[in-house]
C-alpha atoms as a PDB file:
ATOM      1  CA  MET A   1       0.072   0.026  -0.069  1.00  0.00           C
ATOM      2  CA  ARG A   2       2.734   2.391   0.947  1.00  0.00           C
ATOM      3  CA  ALA A   3       4.797   1.471  -2.093  1.00  0.00           C
ATOM      4  CA  GLY A   4       1.994   2.130  -4.292  1.00  0.00           C
ATOM      5  CA  LEU A   5       1.304   5.484  -2.893  1.00  0.00           C
ATOM      6  CA  ASN A   6       5.120   6.434  -3.467  1.00  0.00           C
ATOM      7  CA  SER A   7       4.833   5.048  -6.954  1.00  0.00           C
ATOM      8  CA  HIS A   8       2.111   7.363  -7.773  1.00  0.00           C
ATOM      9  CA  ALA A   9       3.409  10.347  -6.181  1.00  0.00           C
ATOM     10  CA  GLY A  10       6.498  10.020  -8.139  1.00  0.00           C
ATOM     11  CA  ARG A  11       4.604   9.960 -11.308  1.00  0.00           C
ATOM     12  CA  ALA A  12       2.827  13.082 -10.254  1.00  0.00           C
ATOM     13  CA  ARG A  13       5.998  14.965  -9.667  1.00  0.00           C
ATOM     14  CA  VAL A  14       7.343  13.897 -13.018  1.00  0.00           C
ATOM     15  CA  GLY A  15       4.303  14.913 -15.055  1.00  0.00           C
ATOM     16  CA  PRO A  16       4.389  18.736 -14.742  1.00  0.00           C
ATOM     17  CA  ALA A  17       8.133  18.740 -15.104  1.00  0.00           C
ATOM     18  CA  LEU A  18       7.773  16.894 -18.654  1.00  0.00           C
ATOM     19  CA  ALA A  19       4.874  18.932 -19.585  1.00  0.00           C
ATOM     20  CA  LEU A  20       6.910  22.122 -18.899  1.00  0.00           C
ATOM     21  CA  ALA A  21       9.846  20.702 -20.993  1.00  0.00           C
ATOM     22  CA  LEU A  22       7.579  19.731 -23.818  1.00  0.00           C
ATOM     23  CA  LEU A  23       6.098  23.371 -23.719  1.00  0.00           C
ATOM     24  CA  LEU A  24       9.362  25.016 -23.798  1.00  0.00           C
ATOM     25  CA  THR A  25      10.613  22.731 -26.743  1.00  0.00           C
ATOM     26  CA  ALA A  26       7.578  23.681 -28.683  1.00  0.00           C
ATOM     27  CA  CYS A  27       7.914  27.363 -28.010  1.00  0.00           C
ATOM     28  CA  ALA A  28      11.572  27.096 -29.022  1.00  0.00           C
ATOM     29  CA  SER A  29      10.738  25.470 -32.168  1.00  0.00           C
ATOM     30  CA  ALA A  30       7.642  27.379 -33.426  1.00  0.00           C
ATOM     31  CA  PRO A  31       8.192  30.052 -35.912  1.00  0.00           C
ATOM     32  CA  GLU A  32       7.897  33.531 -35.141  1.00  0.00           C
ATOM     33  CA  PRO A  33       4.720  35.247 -36.600  1.00  0.00           C
ATOM     34  CA  GLN A  34       5.701  37.009 -39.786  1.00  0.00           C
ATOM     35  CA  PRO A  35       4.451  40.686 -39.768  1.00  0.00           C
ATOM     36  CA  ARG A  36       1.413  41.608 -41.916  1.00  0.00           C
ATOM     37  CA  ALA A  37       2.209  42.634 -45.353  1.00  0.00           C
ATOM     38  CA  PHE A  38       0.204  45.037 -47.524  1.00  0.00           C
ATOM     39  CA  SER A  39       0.493  46.150 -51.166  1.00  0.00           C
ATOM     40  CA  ASN A  40      -0.319  49.650 -52.845  1.00  0.00           C
ATOM     41  CA  PRO A  41      -2.721  51.233 -53.285  1.00  0.00           C
ATOM     42  CA  VAL A  42      -4.441  51.013 -50.008  1.00  0.00           C
ATOM     43  CA  LEU A  43      -7.553  52.976 -51.254  1.00  0.00           C
ATOM     44  CA  ASP A  44      -8.212  52.188 -54.879  1.00  0.00           C
ATOM     45  CA  ARG A  45     -10.445  55.212 -55.731  1.00  0.00           C
ATOM     46  CA  ASP A  46      -9.993  58.779 -56.830  1.00  0.00           C
ATOM     47  CA  PHE A  47      -8.938  60.354 -53.301  1.00  0.00           C
ATOM     48  CA  PRO A  48      -6.543  63.309 -53.942  1.00  0.00           C
ATOM     49  CA  ASP A  49      -4.440  65.110 -51.277  1.00  0.00           C
ATOM     50  CA  PRO A  50      -5.191  62.777 -48.437  1.00  0.00           C
ATOM     51  CA  ALA A  51      -4.752  64.063 -44.947  1.00  0.00           C
ATOM     52  CA  VAL A  52      -4.896  61.739 -41.953  1.00  0.00           C
ATOM     53  CA  LEU A  53      -6.105  61.951 -38.390  1.00  0.00           C
ATOM     54  CA  ARG A  54      -5.908  59.382 -35.616  1.00  0.00           C
ATOM     55  CA  SER A  55      -9.155  59.703 -33.192  1.00  0.00           C
ATOM     56  CA  PRO A  56      -9.701  58.596 -29.797  1.00  0.00           C
ATOM     57  CA  ASP A  57     -12.314  56.074 -30.976  1.00  0.00           C
ATOM     58  CA  GLY A  58      -9.608  53.912 -32.430  1.00  0.00           C
ATOM     59  CA  TRP A  59     -10.203  54.812 -36.085  1.00  0.00           C
ATOM     60  CA  ILE A  60      -7.623  56.642 -38.518  1.00  0.00           C
ATOM     61  CA  TYR A  61      -9.479  58.959 -40.634  1.00  0.00           C
ATOM     62  CA  ALA A  62      -8.543  60.202 -44.154  1.00  0.00           C
ATOM     63  CA  TYR A  63      -9.836  63.216 -45.739  1.00  0.00           C
ATOM     64  CA  ALA A  64      -9.429  64.175 -49.438  1.00  0.00           C
ATOM     65  CA  THR A  65     -10.323  66.651 -51.991  1.00  0.00           C
ATOM     66  CA  GLN A  66     -13.911  66.533 -53.729  1.00  0.00           C
ATOM     67  CA  GLY A  67     -14.765  63.470 -55.781  1.00  0.00           C
ATOM     68  CA  ALA A  68     -17.514  61.669 -57.394  1.00  0.00           C
ATOM     69  CA  ALA A  69     -19.404  58.666 -55.841  1.00  0.00           C
ATOM     70  CA  GLY A  70     -22.539  57.277 -56.778  1.00  0.00           C
ATOM     71  CA  GLY A  71     -23.256  59.475 -59.568  1.00  0.00           C
ATOM     72  CA  ALA A  72     -22.808  62.547 -57.388  1.00  0.00           C
ATOM     73  CA  MET A  73     -20.058  65.001 -56.446  1.00  0.00           C
ATOM     74  CA  LEU A  74     -19.131  64.880 -53.012  1.00  0.00           C
ATOM     75  CA  ASN A  75     -17.460  68.088 -51.384  1.00  0.00           C
ATOM     76  CA  ILE A  76     -14.868  66.649 -49.019  1.00  0.00           C
ATOM     77  CA  GLN A  77     -14.232  62.861 -49.122  1.00  0.00           C
ATOM     78  CA  VAL A  78     -13.668  60.961 -45.877  1.00  0.00           C
ATOM     79  CA  ALA A  79     -12.721  57.273 -45.264  1.00  0.00           C
ATOM     80  CA  ARG A  80     -11.629  55.352 -42.083  1.00  0.00           C
ATOM     81  CA  SER A  81      -9.117  52.603 -41.179  1.00  0.00           C
ATOM     82  CA  ARG A  82      -7.805  50.801 -38.220  1.00  0.00           C
ATOM     83  CA  ASP A  83      -4.515  50.253 -39.496  1.00  0.00           C
ATOM     84  CA  LEU A  84      -3.625  52.448 -42.630  1.00  0.00           C
ATOM     85  CA  VAL A  85      -4.163  49.501 -44.851  1.00  0.00           C
ATOM     86  CA  ASP A  86      -7.855  48.428 -44.913  1.00  0.00           C
ATOM     87  CA  TRP A  87     -10.100  51.503 -45.578  1.00  0.00           C
ATOM     88  CA  GLU A  88     -13.813  52.093 -45.459  1.00  0.00           C
ATOM     89  CA  TYR A  89     -15.097  54.873 -47.617  1.00  0.00           C
ATOM     90  CA  LEU A  90     -17.647  56.798 -45.758  1.00  0.00           C
ATOM     91  CA  GLY A  91     -18.711  59.493 -48.259  1.00  0.00           C
ATOM     92  CA  ASP A  92     -18.993  63.254 -47.804  1.00  0.00           C
ATOM     93  CA  ALA A  93     -17.544  65.014 -44.515  1.00  0.00           C
ATOM     94  CA  LEU A  94     -19.042  68.443 -45.864  1.00  0.00           C
ATOM     95  CA  PRO A  95     -22.271  67.586 -47.169  1.00  0.00           C
ATOM     96  CA  GLU A  96     -23.679  71.192 -47.125  1.00  0.00           C
ATOM     97  CA  LYS A  97     -21.673  73.784 -49.126  1.00  0.00           C
ATOM     98  CA  PRO A  98     -20.794  76.986 -47.235  1.00  0.00           C
ATOM     99  CA  ARG A  99     -23.267  79.702 -48.015  1.00  0.00           C
ATOM    100  CA  TRP A 100     -20.343  81.845 -49.408  1.00  0.00           C
ATOM    101  CA  ALA A 101     -19.558  79.128 -52.095  1.00  0.00           C
ATOM    102  CA  ALA A 102     -22.947  77.434 -52.559  1.00  0.00           C
ATOM    103  CA  THR A 103     -22.904  77.737 -56.455  1.00  0.00           C
ATOM    104  CA  LYS A 104     -19.375  76.617 -57.155  1.00  0.00           C
ATOM    105  CA  GLN A 105     -17.721  73.305 -56.944  1.00  0.00           C
ATOM    106  CA  ASN A 106     -14.066  73.468 -55.930  1.00  0.00           C
ATOM    107  CA  PHE A 107     -13.332  72.104 -52.572  1.00  0.00           C
ATOM    108  CA  TRP A 108      -9.774  71.095 -52.108  1.00  0.00           C
ATOM    109  CA  ALA A 109      -7.182  69.590 -49.684  1.00  0.00           C
ATOM    110  CA  PRO A 110      -8.722  69.373 -46.324  1.00  0.00           C
ATOM    111  CA  HIS A 111      -7.180  68.844 -42.905  1.00  0.00           C
ATOM    112  CA  VAL A 112      -8.896  67.819 -39.781  1.00  0.00           C
ATOM    113  CA  VAL A 113      -7.572  68.299 -36.227  1.00  0.00           C
ATOM    114  CA  GLN A 114      -9.242  67.409 -32.829  1.00  0.00           C
ATOM    115  CA  ASP A 115     -10.047  70.262 -30.506  1.00  0.00           C
ATOM    116  CA  ARG A 116     -10.073  68.359 -27.128  1.00  0.00           C
ATOM    117  CA  GLU A 117     -10.660  71.449 -25.037  1.00  0.00           C
ATOM    118  CA  ARG A 118     -13.861  72.166 -26.855  1.00  0.00           C
ATOM    119  CA  GLY A 119     -14.962  68.436 -27.764  1.00  0.00           C
ATOM    120  CA  ARG A 120     -15.094  68.866 -31.394  1.00  0.00           C
ATOM    121  CA  TYR A 121     -13.086  68.466 -34.752  1.00  0.00           C
ATOM    122  CA  VAL A 122     -12.038  71.443 -36.902  1.00  0.00           C
ATOM    123  CA  MET A 123     -11.565  71.166 -40.596  1.00  0.00           C
ATOM    124  CA  TYR A 124      -9.444  73.452 -42.669  1.00  0.00           C
ATOM    125  CA  TYR A 125      -9.936  73.467 -46.549  1.00  0.00           C
ATOM    126  CA  SER A 126     -10.014  75.816 -49.478  1.00  0.00           C
ATOM    127  CA  ALA A 127     -12.774  76.786 -51.729  1.00  0.00           C
ATOM    128  CA  GLU A 128     -13.984  78.896 -54.664  1.00  0.00           C
ATOM    129  CA  PRO A 129     -16.213  81.626 -53.413  1.00  0.00           C
ATOM    130  CA  ASP A 130     -19.243  82.553 -55.407  1.00  0.00           C
ATOM    131  CA  GLU A 131     -18.462  86.088 -55.981  1.00  0.00           C
ATOM    132  CA  ALA A 132     -14.817  85.545 -57.200  1.00  0.00           C
ATOM    133  CA  THR A 133     -12.587  83.256 -59.113  1.00  0.00           C
ATOM    134  CA  GLY A 134      -9.744  82.812 -56.546  1.00  0.00           C
ATOM    135  CA  ARG A 135      -9.369  80.458 -53.654  1.00  0.00           C
ATOM    136  CA  CYS A 136     -10.276  80.972 -49.924  1.00  0.00           C
ATOM    137  CA  LEU A 137      -8.996  79.329 -46.743  1.00  0.00           C
ATOM    138  CA  ALA A 138     -12.316  77.985 -44.830  1.00  0.00           C
ATOM    139  CA  VAL A 139     -12.861  76.465 -41.628  1.00  0.00           C
ATOM    140  CA  ALA A 140     -15.725  74.101 -40.489  1.00  0.00           C
ATOM    141  CA  THR A 141     -16.514  72.037 -37.202  1.00  0.00           C
ATOM    142  CA  SER A 142     -18.144  68.850 -36.468  1.00  0.00           C
ATOM    143  CA  ALA A 143     -18.729  66.946 -33.318  1.00  0.00           C
ATOM    144  CA  ALA A 144     -17.318  63.780 -34.898  1.00  0.00           C
ATOM    145  CA  PRO A 145     -14.572  63.016 -37.071  1.00  0.00           C
ATOM    146  CA  PRO A 146     -16.695  61.673 -39.978  1.00  0.00           C
ATOM    147  CA  GLY A 147     -18.799  64.529 -40.088  1.00  0.00           C
ATOM    148  CA  PRO A 148     -21.062  66.291 -40.871  1.00  0.00           C
ATOM    149  CA  PHE A 149     -18.807  69.109 -40.815  1.00  0.00           C
ATOM    150  CA  VAL A 150     -20.532  72.655 -40.872  1.00  0.00           C
ATOM    151  CA  ASP A 151     -18.733  75.713 -42.250  1.00  0.00           C
ATOM    152  CA  ALA A 152     -18.071  78.740 -39.892  1.00  0.00           C
ATOM    153  CA  GLY A 153     -20.014  81.052 -42.181  1.00  0.00           C
ATOM    154  CA  GLN A 154     -17.202  83.080 -43.680  1.00  0.00           C
ATOM    155  CA  PRO A 155     -13.818  82.333 -44.915  1.00  0.00           C
ATOM    156  CA  LEU A 156     -10.539  82.958 -43.182  1.00  0.00           C
ATOM    157  CA  LEU A 157      -8.727  84.479 -46.101  1.00  0.00           C
ATOM    158  CA  CYS A 158      -9.354  84.947 -49.969  1.00  0.00           C
ATOM    159  CA  GLY A 159      -6.879  85.528 -52.756  1.00  0.00           C
ATOM    160  CA  LYS A 160      -7.126  86.521 -56.614  1.00  0.00           C
ATOM    161  CA  GLY A 161      -5.380  83.164 -57.611  1.00  0.00           C
ATOM    162  CA  ILE A 162      -4.838  79.851 -55.929  1.00  0.00           C
ATOM    163  CA  GLU A 163      -2.098  81.093 -53.553  1.00  0.00           C
ATOM    164  CA  HIS A 164      -4.535  80.360 -50.572  1.00  0.00           C
ATOM    165  CA  ILE A 165      -4.791  76.539 -50.746  1.00  0.00           C
ATOM    166  CA  ASP A 166      -3.526  73.258 -49.042  1.00  0.00           C
ATOM    167  CA  PRO A 167      -4.064  74.277 -45.294  1.00  0.00           C
ATOM    168  CA  MET A 168      -2.473  72.269 -42.667  1.00  0.00           C
ATOM    169  CA  ALA A 169      -3.067  72.960 -38.921  1.00  0.00           C
ATOM    170  CA  PHE A 170      -0.255  72.269 -36.480  1.00  0.00           C
ATOM    171  CA  GLU A 171      -0.187  72.542 -32.526  1.00  0.00           C
ATOM    172  CA  ASP A 172       3.523  72.994 -31.637  1.00  0.00           C
ATOM    173  CA  PRO A 173       4.227  70.154 -28.924  1.00  0.00           C
ATOM    174  CA  GLN A 174       6.963  72.408 -27.395  1.00  0.00           C
ATOM    175  CA  THR A 175       4.773  75.622 -26.792  1.00  0.00           C
ATOM    176  CA  GLY A 176       1.039  74.669 -27.561  1.00  0.00           C
ATOM    177  CA  ARG A 177       0.567  77.395 -30.029  1.00  0.00           C
ATOM    178  CA  ARG A 178      -1.326  76.685 -32.883  1.00  0.00           C
ATOM    179  CA  PHE A 179      -0.282  77.590 -36.625  1.00  0.00           C
ATOM    180  CA  LEU A 180      -1.658  77.154 -40.122  1.00  0.00           C
ATOM    181  CA  TYR A 181       0.522  76.287 -43.025  1.00  0.00           C
ATOM    182  CA  TRP A 182      -0.743  76.863 -46.460  1.00  0.00           C
ATOM    183  CA  GLY A 183       0.418  77.731 -50.215  1.00  0.00           C
ATOM    184  CA  SER A 184       0.999  78.229 -53.026  1.00  0.00           C
ATOM    185  CA  GLY A 185      -0.058  78.704 -56.533  1.00  0.00           C
ATOM    186  CA  GLY A 186       3.340  79.959 -57.357  1.00  0.00           C
ATOM    187  CA  ALA A 187       3.600  81.983 -54.127  1.00  0.00           C
ATOM    188  CA  PRO A 188       5.817  80.999 -51.173  1.00  0.00           C
ATOM    189  CA  LEU A 189       4.608  78.455 -48.549  1.00  0.00           C
ATOM    190  CA  VAL A 190       3.412  80.367 -45.286  1.00  0.00           C
ATOM    191  CA  LEU A 191       2.460  79.861 -41.895  1.00  0.00           C
ATOM    192  CA  ARG A 192       0.373  82.091 -39.501  1.00  0.00           C
ATOM    193  CA  GLU A 193      -0.586  81.702 -35.960  1.00  0.00           C
ATOM    194  CA  LEU A 194      -4.107  80.741 -35.171  1.00  0.00           C
ATOM    195  CA  ALA A 195      -6.357  81.768 -32.422  1.00  0.00           C
ATOM    196  CA  PRO A 196      -6.531  79.456 -29.467  1.00  0.00           C
ATOM    197  CA  ASP A 197     -10.022  78.072 -30.725  1.00  0.00           C
ATOM    198  CA  GLY A 198      -8.431  77.561 -34.192  1.00  0.00           C
ATOM    199  CA  MET A 199     -11.499  79.423 -35.736  1.00  0.00           C
ATOM    200  CA  ALA A 200      -9.559  82.434 -36.954  1.00  0.00           C
ATOM    201  CA  PHE A 201      -6.032  83.911 -37.067  1.00  0.00           C
ATOM    202  CA  LEU A 202      -4.568  85.361 -33.794  1.00  0.00           C
ATOM    203  CA  PRO A 203      -5.138  89.063 -33.722  1.00  0.00           C
ATOM    204  CA  GLY A 204      -2.117  90.805 -34.594  1.00  0.00           C
ATOM    205  CA  SER A 205      -0.440  87.843 -36.259  1.00  0.00           C
ATOM    206  CA  VAL A 206       1.114  87.860 -39.810  1.00  0.00           C
ATOM    207  CA  ALA A 207       1.833  85.581 -42.380  1.00  0.00           C
ATOM    208  CA  VAL A 208       5.545  84.246 -42.347  1.00  0.00           C
ATOM    209  CA  GLU A 209       7.068  83.002 -45.478  1.00  0.00           C
ATOM    210  CA  LEU A 210       9.042  79.633 -45.198  1.00  0.00           C
ATOM    211  CA  LEU A 211      10.080  78.694 -48.547  1.00  0.00           C
ATOM    212  CA  GLY A 212       9.370  79.982 -52.110  1.00  0.00           C
ATOM    213  CA  PRO A 213       9.326  78.501 -55.590  1.00  0.00           C
ATOM    214  CA  ASP A 214      12.637  78.116 -57.472  1.00  0.00           C
ATOM    215  CA  ARG A 215      12.423  77.645 -61.220  1.00  0.00           C
ATOM    216  CA  GLY A 216      15.999  76.528 -61.493  1.00  0.00           C
ATOM    217  CA  ARG A 217      15.233  73.469 -59.314  1.00  0.00           C
ATOM    218  CA  ARG A 218      13.595  70.121 -60.206  1.00  0.00           C
ATOM    219  CA  TYR A 219      10.001  69.961 -59.035  1.00  0.00           C
ATOM    220  CA  ARG A 220      10.170  73.392 -57.359  1.00  0.00           C
ATOM    221  CA  SER A 221       8.801  76.036 -59.931  1.00  0.00           C
ATOM    222  CA  LEU A 222       5.519  75.696 -57.854  1.00  0.00           C
ATOM    223  CA  ILE A 223       5.369  74.165 -54.456  1.00  0.00           C
ATOM    224  CA  GLU A 224       2.288  73.120 -52.367  1.00  0.00           C
ATOM    225  CA  GLY A 225       0.894  70.695 -50.047  1.00  0.00           C
ATOM    226  CA  ALA A 226       2.852  71.600 -46.802  1.00  0.00           C
ATOM    227  CA  TRP A 227       2.711  69.285 -43.796  1.00  0.00           C
ATOM    228  CA  ILE A 228       4.758  69.735 -40.746  1.00  0.00           C
ATOM    229  CA  HIS A 229       5.960  66.686 -38.556  1.00  0.00           C
ATOM    230  CA  HIS A 230       7.730  67.076 -35.255  1.00  0.00           C
ATOM    231  CA  ARG A 231      10.276  64.291 -34.438  1.00  0.00           C
ATOM    232  CA  GLU A 232      13.151  64.184 -31.942  1.00  0.00           C
ATOM    233  CA  GLY A 233      13.066  67.994 -31.413  1.00  0.00           C
ATOM    234  CA  ARG A 234      13.174  68.869 -35.224  1.00  0.00           C
ATOM    235  CA  TYR A 235      10.388  70.113 -37.502  1.00  0.00           C
ATOM    236  CA  PHE A 236      10.211  68.467 -40.796  1.00  0.00           C
ATOM    237  CA  LEU A 237       8.455  70.175 -43.636  1.00  0.00           C
ATOM    238  CA  PHE A 238       7.216  67.886 -46.320  1.00  0.00           C
ATOM    239  CA  PHE A 239       5.979  69.646 -49.598  1.00  0.00           C
ATOM    240  CA  SER A 240       5.230  68.735 -53.140  1.00  0.00           C
ATOM    241  CA  GLY A 241       5.781  70.291 -56.576  1.00  0.00           C
ATOM    242  CA  ASP A 242       5.225  71.306 -59.272  1.00  0.00           C
ATOM    243  CA  ARG A 243       2.569  69.719 -61.714  1.00  0.00           C
ATOM    244  CA  CYS A 244       0.218  67.380 -59.975  1.00  0.00           C
ATOM    245  CA  CYS A 245      -2.274  67.274 -62.963  1.00  0.00           C
ATOM    246  CA  GLY A 246      -2.604  67.902 -66.583  1.00  0.00           C
ATOM    247  CA  LYS A 247      -1.039  66.240 -69.559  1.00  0.00           C
ATOM    248  CA  GLU A 248       2.470  66.632 -68.648  1.00  0.00           C
ATOM    249  CA  LEU A 249       2.829  65.157 -64.915  1.00  0.00           C
ATOM    250  CA  ARG A 250       5.639  66.271 -62.882  1.00  0.00           C
ATOM    251  CA  TYR A 251       5.166  65.954 -59.410  1.00  0.00           C
ATOM    252  CA  ALA A 252       7.221  64.595 -56.230  1.00  0.00           C
ATOM    253  CA  VAL A 253       7.700  64.965 -52.451  1.00  0.00           C
ATOM    254  CA  MET A 254      10.465  66.928 -51.087  1.00  0.00           C
ATOM    255  CA  ALA A 255      11.635  67.566 -47.392  1.00  0.00           C
ATOM    256  CA  ALA A 256      12.887  70.522 -45.458  1.00  0.00           C
ATOM    257  CA  ARG A 257      13.981  70.682 -41.756  1.00  0.00           C
ATOM    258  CA  SER A 258      14.352  73.258 -38.842  1.00  0.00           C
ATOM    259  CA  ASP A 259      14.689  73.709 -35.183  1.00  0.00           C
ATOM    260  CA  SER A 260      11.655  75.913 -35.144  1.00  0.00           C
ATOM    261  CA  PRO A 261       8.010  75.801 -36.797  1.00  0.00           C
ATOM    262  CA  PHE A 262       9.010  79.311 -38.188  1.00  0.00           C
ATOM    263  CA  GLY A 263      12.151  78.177 -39.900  1.00  0.00           C
ATOM    264  CA  PRO A 264      14.583  78.923 -41.413  1.00  0.00           C
ATOM    265  CA  PHE A 265      14.246  75.503 -43.106  1.00  0.00           C
ATOM    266  CA  GLU A 266      17.052  73.652 -44.696  1.00  0.00           C
ATOM    267  CA  VAL A 267      15.950  71.896 -47.981  1.00  0.00           C
ATOM    268  CA  LEU A 268      17.103  68.557 -48.957  1.00  0.00           C
ATOM    269  CA  GLU A 269      18.282  69.031 -52.493  1.00  0.00           C
ATOM    270  CA  THR A 270      17.014  65.603 -53.668  1.00  0.00           C
ATOM    271  CA  PRO A 271      13.159  64.640 -53.657  1.00  0.00           C
ATOM    272  CA  ILE A 272      12.201  61.957 -51.123  1.00  0.00           C
ATOM    273  CA  LEU A 273       9.479  60.467 -53.396  1.00  0.00           C
ATOM    274  CA  GLU A 274       9.039  60.555 -57.136  1.00  0.00           C
ATOM    275  CA  ALA A 275       7.603  58.579 -60.059  1.00  0.00           C
ATOM    276  CA  GLY A 276       8.596  55.045 -60.671  1.00  0.00           C
ATOM    277  CA  ASP A 277       7.519  52.357 -63.336  1.00  0.00           C
ATOM    278  CA  ALA A 278       4.195  51.676 -61.713  1.00  0.00           C
ATOM    279  CA  TRP A 279       3.307  54.997 -60.108  1.00  0.00           C
ATOM    280  CA  ARG A 280       3.232  58.451 -61.542  1.00  0.00           C
ATOM    281  CA  ALA A 281       3.191  62.046 -59.908  1.00  0.00           C
ATOM    282  CA  PRO A 282       3.359  60.975 -56.289  1.00  0.00           C
ATOM    283  CA  GLY A 283       2.543  63.610 -53.726  1.00  0.00           C
ATOM    284  CA  HIS A 284       0.566  65.901 -51.691  1.00  0.00           C
ATOM    285  CA  ASN A 285       1.163  63.877 -48.689  1.00  0.00           C
ATOM    286  CA  SER A 286       0.286  63.497 -44.878  1.00  0.00           C
ATOM    287  CA  VAL A 287       2.425  61.571 -42.012  1.00  0.00           C
ATOM    288  CA  MET A 288       1.261  59.302 -39.322  1.00  0.00           C
ATOM    289  CA  THR A 289       3.254  57.394 -36.707  1.00  0.00           C
ATOM    290  CA  ASP A 290       2.229  53.799 -35.725  1.00  0.00           C
ATOM    291  CA  ASP A 291       2.248  52.210 -32.504  1.00  0.00           C
ATOM    292  CA  ALA A 292       5.760  50.941 -33.121  1.00  0.00           C
ATOM    293  CA  GLY A 293       6.998  54.480 -33.543  1.00  0.00           C
ATOM    294  CA  ASN A 294       7.621  54.208 -37.152  1.00  0.00           C
ATOM    295  CA  ASP A 295       6.392  57.136 -39.556  1.00  0.00           C
ATOM    296  CA  TRP A 296       4.324  56.582 -42.635  1.00  0.00           C
ATOM    297  CA  ILE A 297       3.841  58.860 -45.479  1.00  0.00           C
ATOM    298  CA  VAL A 298       0.155  58.794 -46.959  1.00  0.00           C
ATOM    299  CA  TYR A 299      -0.090  60.267 -50.399  1.00  0.00           C
ATOM    300  CA  HIS A 300      -1.571  60.036 -53.748  1.00  0.00           C
ATOM    301  CA  ALA A 301      -0.440  59.025 -57.103  1.00  0.00           C
ATOM    302  CA  TYR A 302      -1.606  57.789 -60.600  1.00  0.00           C
ATOM    303  CA  SER A 303      -1.281  54.322 -61.669  1.00  0.00           C
ATOM    304  CA  ALA A 304       0.855  54.170 -64.730  1.00  0.00           C
ATOM    305  CA  GLU A 305      -1.332  51.273 -66.193  1.00  0.00           C
ATOM    306  CA  GLN A 306      -4.584  53.514 -65.428  1.00  0.00           C
ATOM    307  CA  LEU A 307      -2.859  56.493 -67.425  1.00  0.00           C
ATOM    308  CA  ARG A 308      -2.149  54.100 -70.404  1.00  0.00           C
ATOM    309  CA  ARG A 309      -5.975  53.416 -70.526  1.00  0.00           C
ATOM    310  CA  GLY A 310      -6.663  57.204 -70.533  1.00  0.00           C
ATOM    311  CA  GLU A 311      -8.035  57.179 -66.949  1.00  0.00           C
ATOM    312  CA  ARG A 312      -6.932  59.755 -64.381  1.00  0.00           C
ATOM    313  CA  SER A 313      -7.707  58.863 -60.690  1.00  0.00           C
ATOM    314  CA  ARG A 314      -5.213  59.859 -57.853  1.00  0.00           C
ATOM    315  CA  VAL A 315      -5.408  56.821 -55.507  1.00  0.00           C
ATOM    316  CA  MET A 316      -4.151  56.593 -52.035  1.00  0.00           C
ATOM    317  CA  LEU A 317      -0.686  55.008 -51.174  1.00  0.00           C
ATOM    318  CA  VAL A 318       1.214  54.274 -47.928  1.00  0.00           C
ATOM    319  CA  ASP A 319       4.880  53.882 -47.538  1.00  0.00           C
ATOM    320  CA  ARG A 320       7.172  53.864 -44.482  1.00  0.00           C
ATOM    321  CA  ILE A 321       9.456  56.686 -43.752  1.00  0.00           C
ATOM    322  CA  GLU A 322      13.059  56.052 -42.630  1.00  0.00           C
ATOM    323  CA  TYR A 323      15.382  58.509 -41.180  1.00  0.00           C
ATOM    324  CA  ARG A 324      19.078  58.581 -42.232  1.00  0.00           C
ATOM    325  CA  ASP A 325      21.440  61.257 -41.787  1.00  0.00           C
ATOM    326  CA  GLY A 326      18.751  63.139 -40.126  1.00  0.00           C
ATOM    327  CA  TRP A 327      16.621  63.344 -43.225  1.00  0.00           C
ATOM    328  CA  PRO A 328      13.340  61.355 -44.033  1.00  0.00           C
ATOM    329  CA  ARG A 329      13.747  58.666 -46.844  1.00  0.00           C
ATOM    330  CA  ILE A 330      11.437  56.484 -48.728  1.00  0.00           C
ATOM    331  CA  ASP A 331      13.045  53.201 -49.853  1.00  0.00           C
ATOM    332  CA  HIS A 332      14.460  53.596 -53.441  1.00  0.00           C
ATOM    333  CA  GLY A 333      12.720  57.134 -53.504  1.00  0.00           C
ATOM    334  CA  ARG A 334       9.707  55.600 -55.296  1.00  0.00           C
ATOM    335  CA  PRO A 335       6.325  54.298 -54.450  1.00  0.00           C
ATOM    336  CA  SER A 336       6.498  50.542 -53.252  1.00  0.00           C
ATOM    337  CA  THR A 337       5.192  48.067 -55.892  1.00  0.00           C
ATOM    338  CA  GLY A 338       5.195  44.781 -53.995  1.00  0.00           C
ATOM    339  CA  PRO A 339       4.216  43.281 -50.700  1.00  0.00           C
ATOM    340  CA  SER A 340       5.805  45.404 -47.736  1.00  0.00           C
ATOM    341  CA  PRO A 341       5.490  44.915 -43.878  1.00  0.00           C
ATOM    342  CA  ALA A 342       2.323  47.077 -42.785  1.00  0.00           C
ATOM    343  CA  PRO A 343       2.099  49.602 -40.125  1.00  0.00           C
ATOM    344  CA  ARG A 344       1.644  48.271 -36.593  1.00  0.00           C
ATOM    345  CA  PHE A 345      -1.365  49.557 -34.722  1.00  0.00           C
ATOM    346  CA  ARG A 346      -2.881  47.921 -31.529  1.00  0.00           C
END
């Protein structure tokens, strides 16, 4: 009886040890999970000038210039994603035109930021007013990121041409001050400080010129699409030039850097993203950081195959930004064409 108990107890002691050894062996031999891969485009529809926002609801929202959907023209397009790769198209974020631009259909390049203090979202965009042919900077608000956004009732600033386009709002993480960057239509890229509520320019503020066009340099006879990204104490200015559209496409993304949001900005002489065999005229980008700390460039481009068919849609692409020698770089300086490791979001 006693011998039987001892024998049973011995087997009980060996069992857990053996199980643990088998588990460790299995873990050691199991292959590591491979990172998810994606291929461009991530949104295969006309979605020009994409600007991204990560919202507390867990979604990433992208906003784009006007576009057609379901036989109708939408004023400001919006889509959402959990991971920058799989996108759900939501429709029109600005379903009602502003009263000062109710008869025109030119709504371009929106950018949306969250106003946490006031519990709302603020959209900046450009539009053509009913009584003129130039472009105006405009502002609208919504209680939720997909909209509907409602215009403030009057434009922020109007011009005679297209110098007041492509607004990008930026809150300086170092000071908390809010700025609006925009331009250019052949004029310089500029910034001006916003009032604390973001609905107007700060009284007494003036526009500060950052970078001007340069006809002697490639892609820089016209520059536009400013996007500021703060990383490790530096301010990186991404911008595009100089022919996004038309018969002779010539468009690319360039970068500049500074220790201040006001500049002066040192410009990288070579573009960081330009046309390849598969994708033409890449540009007008935004930037988002994933949960692994990697930066991603979100931009539009034309498919070369689509252009050969006589079609023209600027679809949305994503690629990783790597920093080398203190400058942002895109692998090979061209849009990716095959499977690539995807962004990492929880």
